[in-house]
Protein backbone atom coordinates (compact mmCIF):
# COMPACT_ATOMS: atom_id res chain seq x y z
CA UNK A 1 5.47 13.46 10.11
CA UNK A 2 7.92 11.68 7.25
CA UNK A 3 7.49 14.25 5.23
CA UNK A 4 8.60 16.96 7.84
CA UNK A 5 11.35 15.15 8.98
CA UNK A 6 12.76 14.36 5.60
CA UNK A 7 12.72 18.12 4.65
CA UNK A 8 14.11 19.16 7.86
CA UNK A 9 17.53 16.85 7.95
CA UNK A 10 20.24 16.18 5.75
CA UNK A 11 20.86 12.43 4.96
CA UNK A 12 21.78 9.69 7.27
CA UNK A 13 19.88 11.69 10.29
CA UNK A 14 18.58 9.64 13.25
CA UNK A 15 15.09 10.67 12.76
CA UNK A 16 15.43 9.54 8.90
CA UNK A 17 16.06 6.26 10.23
CA UNK A 18 13.09 6.69 13.14
CA UNK A 19 10.69 7.32 10.25
CA UNK A 20 12.56 4.31 8.03
CA UNK A 21 12.71 1.88 10.35
CA UNK A 22 9.24 2.51 11.78
CA UNK A 23 7.52 1.98 8.11
CA UNK A 24 9.95 -0.78 6.81
CA UNK A 25 8.85 -2.62 10.29
CA UNK A 26 5.79 -2.16 10.46
CA UNK A 27 4.44 -1.96 6.49
CA UNK A 28 2.53 -5.81 5.60
CA UNK A 29 0.18 -6.56 3.13
CA UNK A 30 -3.27 -6.45 3.81
CA UNK A 31 -6.77 -6.94 1.99
CA UNK A 32 -7.76 -3.33 1.83
CA UNK A 33 -3.93 -1.92 0.35
CA UNK A 34 -3.67 0.52 3.05
CA UNK A 35 0.29 0.08 3.27
CA UNK A 36 0.63 0.19 -0.70
CA UNK A 37 -1.39 3.71 -0.49
CA UNK A 38 0.61 5.00 2.33
CA UNK A 39 3.81 5.32 0.70
CA UNK A 40 1.75 6.76 -2.84
CA UNK A 41 3.62 10.69 -2.29
CA UNK A 42 6.69 9.40 -0.33
CA UNK A 43 10.17 11.01 -1.21
CA UNK A 44 12.10 8.99 -3.52
CA UNK A 45 14.88 9.31 -0.35
CA UNK A 46 12.56 8.06 1.71
CA UNK A 47 11.32 5.07 0.02
CA UNK A 48 15.02 4.12 -0.43
CA UNK A 49 15.46 4.02 3.28
CA UNK A 50 12.50 1.86 3.41
CA UNK A 51 13.80 -0.76 1.49
CA UNK A 52 17.44 -0.61 2.53
CA UNK A 53 15.90 -1.86 5.98
CA UNK A 54 13.64 -4.91 4.44
CA UNK A 55 16.68 -5.99 2.83
CA UNK A 56 18.50 -5.94 5.93
CA UNK A 57 15.82 -7.29 7.60
CA UNK A 58 13.42 -9.59 5.99
CA UNK A 59 14.59 -13.16 6.01
CA UNK A 60 16.07 -14.44 2.81
CA UNK A 61 13.91 -16.83 0.61
CA UNK A 62 15.03 -20.13 -0.69
CA UNK A 63 15.21 -20.31 -4.12
CA UNK A 64 12.19 -22.68 -4.22
CA UNK A 65 9.93 -19.46 -2.44
CA UNK A 66 10.23 -17.38 -4.74
CA UNK A 67 7.33 -16.36 -6.68
CA UNK A 68 8.69 -16.54 -10.64
CA UNK A 69 10.21 -20.05 -9.20
CA UNK A 70 6.32 -21.54 -8.25
CA UNK A 71 4.02 -19.97 -10.88
CA UNK A 72 6.46 -18.54 -13.69
CA UNK A 73 3.42 -18.62 -15.65
CA UNK A 74 1.92 -15.43 -13.06
CA UNK A 75 4.02 -13.35 -15.53
CA UNK A 76 2.94 -14.11 -18.98
CA UNK A 77 0.55 -11.73 -20.44
CA UNK A 78 -2.93 -12.58 -22.37
CA UNK A 79 -4.64 -11.41 -24.82
CA UNK A 80 -8.06 -9.93 -22.82
CA UNK A 81 -10.24 -12.78 -24.60
CA UNK A 82 -8.21 -15.69 -23.90
CA UNK A 83 -8.07 -17.98 -20.49
C-alpha cells in the first residue's frame, strides 16, 4: 500500500502524510525485529517522511539518556578473539 501511494502521489500529499504518520507513530523496537524488516525496501522519500515525523513527535532525550553517553564503549570495535 505504501508503494502504491508514494508512486501515485506527489511530495506533501495527504496520502503520503497518512502513511508516514502511521509508521512513525506505530513503529517500535521488538524482539522479533518486525519493524526493522518493514522498512527494508521502502523508498527514500517514505523513510525521510517517517524520520521527519519521528523527530517532531518523540521526546527529546536528556544528554545523560543518550546511548553514546551511557556506554561509550558499546561503540568500540574489538578483534574477534578479544573480550
